[in-house]
Amino acid sequence: MIEVKVNPYRDKLESLLKKVRPRLSSTHNLEFKKCFGAVAGYVNGNIFISCGKFGVALKLPPEALAMLFKEKGLKPLKYFPNGHVKKEYAVLSQHILNEPARLKKLVNKSIKFSQK
């Protein structure tokens, strides 16, 4: 019998990306790897998204982060409660996760920024 390991963080990332970028895996090398108890999404070998107990976080350029952090419900990424802040990441609010068009723009921005 084949054992299938379920990872809710990976499942959440895959589901989210299928909604906003359904052809991402056919246009880029998309991978998911465990990262500090979470799951990170990589495009062409570069991390751009992460999902864990903290929620869903995107790697974004400073100007995008500055605009996002003006909104309620967003926070900086920390993999552990007493860990250091990952300065290039924002943990997205449920409000943003429920706005497919806006989320798609942020994912696209994250993918582009991660390739630099």
N, C-alpha and C. Protein backbone atom coordinates (compact mmCIF):
# COMPACT_ATOMS: atom_id res chain seq x y z
N MET A 1 0.84 -1.17 0.00
CA MET A 1 0.00 0.00 0.00
C MET A 1 0.89 1.25 0.00
N ILE A 2 0.53 2.23 -0.79
CA ILE A 2 1.28 3.48 -0.87
C ILE A 2 0.72 4.44 0.17
N GLU A 3 1.63 5.00 0.96
CA GLU A 3 1.23 5.95 1.98
C GLU A 3 1.26 7.36 1.38
N VAL A 4 0.16 8.05 1.45
CA VAL A 4 0.08 9.41 0.94
C VAL A 4 0.13 10.36 2.13
N LYS A 5 1.13 11.22 2.12
CA LYS A 5 1.26 12.17 3.22
C LYS A 5 0.49 13.44 2.88
N VAL A 6 -0.36 13.84 3.79
CA VAL A 6 -1.17 15.03 3.60
C VAL A 6 -0.48 16.19 4.31
N ASN A 7 -0.36 17.29 3.62
CA ASN A 7 0.20 18.49 4.23
C ASN A 7 -0.76 19.64 3.98
N PRO A 8 -1.50 20.06 5.02
CA PRO A 8 -2.51 21.10 4.81
C PRO A 8 -1.93 22.43 4.32
N TYR A 9 -0.69 22.74 4.68
CA TYR A 9 -0.08 23.99 4.22
C TYR A 9 0.21 23.92 2.71
N ARG A 10 0.74 22.80 2.28
CA ARG A 10 0.98 22.63 0.84
C ARG A 10 -0.34 22.65 0.08
N ASP A 11 -1.33 21.95 0.60
CA ASP A 11 -2.64 21.91 -0.04
C ASP A 11 -3.23 23.32 -0.17
N LYS A 12 -3.07 24.12 0.88
CA LYS A 12 -3.60 25.49 0.85
C LYS A 12 -2.89 26.31 -0.22
N LEU A 13 -1.55 26.20 -0.29
CA LEU A 13 -0.80 26.94 -1.31
C LEU A 13 -1.20 26.50 -2.71
N GLU A 14 -1.27 25.20 -2.92
CA GLU A 14 -1.63 24.70 -4.25
C GLU A 14 -3.02 25.18 -4.66
N SER A 15 -3.97 25.13 -3.75
CA SER A 15 -5.33 25.57 -4.02
C SER A 15 -5.37 27.07 -4.34
N LEU A 16 -4.69 27.84 -3.53
CA LEU A 16 -4.65 29.29 -3.71
C LEU A 16 -4.04 29.65 -5.06
N LEU A 17 -2.92 29.02 -5.40
CA LEU A 17 -2.24 29.33 -6.66
C LEU A 17 -3.03 28.85 -7.86
N LYS A 18 -3.75 27.76 -7.73
CA LYS A 18 -4.60 27.28 -8.84
C LYS A 18 -5.71 28.27 -9.15
N LYS A 19 -6.19 28.96 -8.10
CA LYS A 19 -7.25 29.95 -8.30
C LYS A 19 -6.74 31.20 -9.01
N VAL A 20 -5.58 31.69 -8.58
CA VAL A 20 -5.11 32.98 -9.10
C VAL A 20 -4.11 32.86 -10.24
N ARG A 21 -3.38 31.76 -10.32
CA ARG A 21 -2.41 31.53 -11.40
C ARG A 21 -2.49 30.07 -11.86
N PRO A 22 -3.61 29.67 -12.50
CA PRO A 22 -3.83 28.27 -12.83
C PRO A 22 -2.77 27.63 -13.73
N ARG A 23 -2.07 28.41 -14.53
CA ARG A 23 -1.06 27.85 -15.43
C ARG A 23 0.37 28.06 -14.94
N LEU A 24 0.52 28.46 -13.68
CA LEU A 24 1.85 28.76 -13.16
C LEU A 24 2.83 27.60 -13.31
N SER A 25 2.38 26.39 -13.02
CA SER A 25 3.30 25.25 -13.09
C SER A 25 3.65 24.87 -14.52
N SER A 26 2.91 25.37 -15.51
CA SER A 26 3.26 25.08 -16.90
C SER A 26 4.16 26.18 -17.50
N THR A 27 4.22 27.33 -16.83
CA THR A 27 5.06 28.42 -17.35
C THR A 27 6.34 28.60 -16.54
N HIS A 28 6.37 28.05 -15.33
CA HIS A 28 7.53 28.17 -14.45
C HIS A 28 7.80 26.82 -13.77
N ASN A 29 8.99 26.67 -13.26
CA ASN A 29 9.32 25.48 -12.47
C ASN A 29 8.82 25.74 -11.05
N LEU A 30 7.66 25.19 -10.71
CA LEU A 30 7.02 25.41 -9.41
C LEU A 30 7.29 24.22 -8.50
N GLU A 31 7.81 24.50 -7.30
CA GLU A 31 8.10 23.46 -6.32
C GLU A 31 7.60 23.89 -4.95
N PHE A 32 7.35 22.91 -4.10
CA PHE A 32 6.97 23.17 -2.71
C PHE A 32 7.92 22.38 -1.82
N LYS A 33 8.45 23.05 -0.78
CA LYS A 33 9.38 22.40 0.13
C LYS A 33 9.04 22.79 1.56
N LYS A 34 9.33 21.88 2.49
CA LYS A 34 9.15 22.20 3.91
C LYS A 34 10.16 23.25 4.32
N CYS A 35 9.70 24.14 5.21
CA CYS A 35 10.55 25.25 5.63
C CYS A 35 10.14 25.68 7.04
N PHE A 36 10.92 25.33 8.06
CA PHE A 36 10.66 25.73 9.44
C PHE A 36 9.25 25.37 9.91
N GLY A 37 8.79 24.17 9.60
CA GLY A 37 7.47 23.74 10.01
C GLY A 37 6.35 24.26 9.12
N ALA A 38 6.70 24.99 8.10
CA ALA A 38 5.74 25.52 7.14
C ALA A 38 6.05 24.90 5.78
N VAL A 39 5.42 25.41 4.75
CA VAL A 39 5.71 24.99 3.38
C VAL A 39 5.97 26.25 2.58
N ALA A 40 7.05 26.23 1.81
CA ALA A 40 7.41 27.36 0.96
C ALA A 40 7.21 26.98 -0.50
N GLY A 41 6.74 27.95 -1.27
CA GLY A 41 6.60 27.77 -2.71
C GLY A 41 7.75 28.45 -3.42
N TYR A 42 8.33 27.74 -4.38
CA TYR A 42 9.47 28.24 -5.14
C TYR A 42 9.12 28.29 -6.62
N VAL A 43 9.56 29.34 -7.29
CA VAL A 43 9.45 29.45 -8.73
C VAL A 43 10.86 29.58 -9.26
N ASN A 44 11.21 28.66 -10.16
CA ASN A 44 12.55 28.64 -10.75
C ASN A 44 13.64 28.68 -9.68
N GLY A 45 13.41 27.98 -8.56
CA GLY A 45 14.39 27.87 -7.49
C GLY A 45 14.39 28.98 -6.47
N ASN A 46 13.49 29.96 -6.61
CA ASN A 46 13.45 31.10 -5.69
C ASN A 46 12.13 31.11 -4.92
N ILE A 47 12.23 31.24 -3.61
CA ILE A 47 11.04 31.27 -2.76
C ILE A 47 10.26 32.56 -3.01
N PHE A 48 8.92 32.41 -3.09
CA PHE A 48 8.07 33.59 -3.27
C PHE A 48 6.84 33.59 -2.37
N ILE A 49 6.49 32.44 -1.81
CA ILE A 49 5.29 32.33 -0.99
C ILE A 49 5.53 31.30 0.10
N SER A 50 4.87 31.47 1.23
CA SER A 50 5.01 30.54 2.34
C SER A 50 3.68 30.41 3.06
N CYS A 51 3.44 29.23 3.62
CA CYS A 51 2.20 28.99 4.36
C CYS A 51 2.51 28.15 5.58
N GLY A 52 1.98 28.57 6.73
CA GLY A 52 2.20 27.85 7.98
C GLY A 52 1.17 28.28 9.00
N LYS A 53 1.47 28.03 10.27
CA LYS A 53 0.55 28.43 11.35
C LYS A 53 0.24 29.92 11.30
N PHE A 54 1.17 30.70 10.78
CA PHE A 54 1.03 32.16 10.69
C PHE A 54 0.04 32.58 9.62
N GLY A 55 -0.24 31.72 8.64
CA GLY A 55 -1.11 32.06 7.51
C GLY A 55 -0.35 31.95 6.20
N VAL A 56 -0.66 32.83 5.27
CA VAL A 56 0.00 32.85 3.96
C VAL A 56 0.81 34.13 3.85
N ALA A 57 2.08 33.99 3.48
CA ALA A 57 2.96 35.15 3.35
C ALA A 57 3.56 35.21 1.96
N LEU A 58 3.73 36.42 1.45
CA LEU A 58 4.36 36.65 0.16
C LEU A 58 5.63 37.46 0.33
N LYS A 59 6.63 37.14 -0.48
CA LYS A 59 7.86 37.93 -0.55
C LYS A 59 7.58 39.06 -1.54
N LEU A 60 7.76 40.30 -1.09
CA LEU A 60 7.40 41.45 -1.91
C LEU A 60 8.45 42.55 -1.82
N PRO A 61 8.51 43.41 -2.85
CA PRO A 61 9.45 44.53 -2.81
C PRO A 61 9.06 45.54 -1.73
N PRO A 62 10.03 46.32 -1.26
CA PRO A 62 9.78 47.27 -0.16
C PRO A 62 8.59 48.20 -0.37
N GLU A 63 8.41 48.73 -1.59
CA GLU A 63 7.32 49.67 -1.82
C GLU A 63 5.96 48.98 -1.70
N ALA A 64 5.85 47.73 -2.13
CA ALA A 64 4.60 46.98 -1.99
C ALA A 64 4.32 46.68 -0.52
N LEU A 65 5.37 46.31 0.21
CA LEU A 65 5.21 46.04 1.64
C LEU A 65 4.76 47.29 2.39
N ALA A 66 5.34 48.43 2.06
CA ALA A 66 4.98 49.68 2.73
C ALA A 66 3.49 49.98 2.55
N MET A 67 2.98 49.76 1.36
CA MET A 67 1.55 50.00 1.11
C MET A 67 0.68 48.98 1.87
N LEU A 68 1.08 47.73 1.84
CA LEU A 68 0.29 46.68 2.51
C LEU A 68 0.22 46.88 4.02
N PHE A 69 1.35 47.24 4.62
CA PHE A 69 1.39 47.37 6.07
C PHE A 69 0.58 48.56 6.59
N LYS A 70 0.06 49.39 5.68
CA LYS A 70 -0.84 50.47 6.09
C LYS A 70 -2.25 49.93 6.35
N GLU A 71 -2.52 48.71 5.87
CA GLU A 71 -3.84 48.10 6.03
C GLU A 71 -3.93 47.30 7.33
N LYS A 72 -5.15 47.13 7.80
CA LYS A 72 -5.38 46.31 8.99
C LYS A 72 -5.27 44.83 8.63
N GLY A 73 -4.82 44.05 9.57
CA GLY A 73 -4.81 42.60 9.40
C GLY A 73 -3.55 42.02 8.79
N LEU A 74 -2.62 42.86 8.36
CA LEU A 74 -1.37 42.36 7.82
C LEU A 74 -0.30 42.43 8.89
N LYS A 75 0.64 41.50 8.79
CA LYS A 75 1.73 41.49 9.77
C LYS A 75 2.99 40.96 9.11
N PRO A 76 4.14 41.25 9.71
CA PRO A 76 5.39 40.71 9.18
C PRO A 76 5.47 39.22 9.47
N LEU A 77 6.25 38.51 8.68
CA LEU A 77 6.40 37.07 8.84
C LEU A 77 7.45 36.73 9.89
N LYS A 78 7.04 35.86 10.81
CA LYS A 78 7.96 35.23 11.77
C LYS A 78 7.59 33.76 11.80
N TYR A 79 8.57 32.89 11.51
CA TYR A 79 8.29 31.46 11.50
C TYR A 79 8.06 30.91 12.91
N PHE A 80 8.65 31.58 13.90
CA PHE A 80 8.52 31.15 15.30
C PHE A 80 8.13 32.37 16.13
N PRO A 81 7.33 32.20 17.19
CA PRO A 81 6.89 33.34 17.99
C PRO A 81 8.03 34.25 18.45
N ASN A 82 9.14 33.68 18.85
CA ASN A 82 10.27 34.50 19.31
C ASN A 82 11.36 34.62 18.25
N GLY A 83 11.04 34.23 17.03
CA GLY A 83 12.02 34.28 15.93
C GLY A 83 12.16 35.68 15.36
N HIS A 84 13.11 35.82 14.44
CA HIS A 84 13.31 37.13 13.84
C HIS A 84 12.29 37.37 12.72
N VAL A 85 12.06 38.62 12.41
CA VAL A 85 11.11 39.02 11.38
C VAL A 85 11.77 38.85 10.03
N LYS A 86 11.07 38.20 9.10
CA LYS A 86 11.53 38.08 7.72
C LYS A 86 11.09 39.37 7.02
N LYS A 87 12.01 40.29 6.86
CA LYS A 87 11.69 41.65 6.44
C LYS A 87 11.10 41.81 5.05
N GLU A 88 11.32 40.85 4.15
CA GLU A 88 10.80 40.98 2.79
C GLU A 88 9.42 40.33 2.62
N TYR A 89 8.79 39.93 3.72
CA TYR A 89 7.53 39.19 3.64
C TYR A 89 6.41 39.87 4.40
N ALA A 90 5.20 39.68 3.89
CA ALA A 90 3.99 40.12 4.59
C ALA A 90 3.06 38.93 4.70
N VAL A 91 2.50 38.72 5.90
CA VAL A 91 1.46 37.71 6.10
C VAL A 91 0.15 38.39 5.70
N LEU A 92 -0.52 37.82 4.73
CA LEU A 92 -1.71 38.44 4.16
C LEU A 92 -2.93 38.27 5.05
N SER A 93 -3.79 39.27 4.99
CA SER A 93 -5.05 39.21 5.74
C SER A 93 -6.03 38.31 4.99
N GLN A 94 -7.03 37.84 5.70
CA GLN A 94 -8.08 37.03 5.07
C GLN A 94 -8.81 37.84 4.02
N HIS A 95 -8.92 39.13 4.26
CA HIS A 95 -9.58 40.04 3.31
C HIS A 95 -8.89 39.96 1.94
N ILE A 96 -7.56 40.03 1.92
CA ILE A 96 -6.81 39.96 0.66
C ILE A 96 -6.93 38.57 0.05
N LEU A 97 -6.85 37.53 0.88
CA LEU A 97 -6.96 36.17 0.37
C LEU A 97 -8.32 35.92 -0.28
N ASN A 98 -9.33 36.69 0.11
CA ASN A 98 -10.68 36.54 -0.46
C ASN A 98 -10.92 37.43 -1.67
N GLU A 99 -9.90 38.17 -2.11
CA GLU A 99 -10.01 39.03 -3.29
C GLU A 99 -9.12 38.47 -4.41
N PRO A 100 -9.63 37.56 -5.25
CA PRO A 100 -8.79 36.90 -6.25
C PRO A 100 -8.02 37.84 -7.19
N ALA A 101 -8.65 38.90 -7.65
CA ALA A 101 -7.96 39.81 -8.58
C ALA A 101 -6.78 40.51 -7.90
N ARG A 102 -6.99 40.96 -6.69
CA ARG A 102 -5.91 41.63 -5.94
C ARG A 102 -4.83 40.63 -5.56
N LEU A 103 -5.23 39.46 -5.13
CA LEU A 103 -4.27 38.43 -4.76
C LEU A 103 -3.42 38.03 -5.96
N LYS A 104 -4.02 37.93 -7.12
CA LYS A 104 -3.27 37.59 -8.34
C LYS A 104 -2.19 38.63 -8.61
N LYS A 105 -2.53 39.91 -8.47
CA LYS A 105 -1.55 40.98 -8.69
C LYS A 105 -0.39 40.86 -7.70
N LEU A 106 -0.71 40.55 -6.45
CA LEU A 106 0.34 40.42 -5.43
C LEU A 106 1.20 39.19 -5.69
N VAL A 107 0.60 38.08 -6.09
CA VAL A 107 1.36 36.88 -6.42
C VAL A 107 2.29 37.16 -7.60
N ASN A 108 1.78 37.84 -8.62
CA ASN A 108 2.61 38.19 -9.78
C ASN A 108 3.79 39.07 -9.38
N LYS A 109 3.52 40.03 -8.51
CA LYS A 109 4.56 40.92 -8.02
C LYS A 109 5.61 40.13 -7.23
N SER A 110 5.14 39.17 -6.43
CA SER A 110 6.03 38.34 -5.63
C SER A 110 6.92 37.47 -6.52
N ILE A 111 6.32 36.86 -7.53
CA ILE A 111 7.08 36.02 -8.45
C ILE A 111 8.16 36.85 -9.14
N LYS A 112 7.78 38.01 -9.63
CA LYS A 112 8.75 38.89 -10.33
C LYS A 112 9.87 39.31 -9.37
N PHE A 113 9.50 39.70 -8.16
CA PHE A 113 10.50 40.16 -7.17
C PHE A 113 11.44 39.03 -6.76
N SER A 114 10.93 37.83 -6.65
CA SER A 114 11.75 36.71 -6.21
C SER A 114 12.78 36.29 -7.25
N GLN A 115 12.58 36.69 -8.49
CA GLN A 115 13.49 36.30 -9.57
C GLN A 115 14.70 37.23 -9.68
N LYS A 116 14.72 38.29 -8.89
CA LYS A 116 15.83 39.27 -8.97
C LYS A 116 17.05 38.77 -8.23
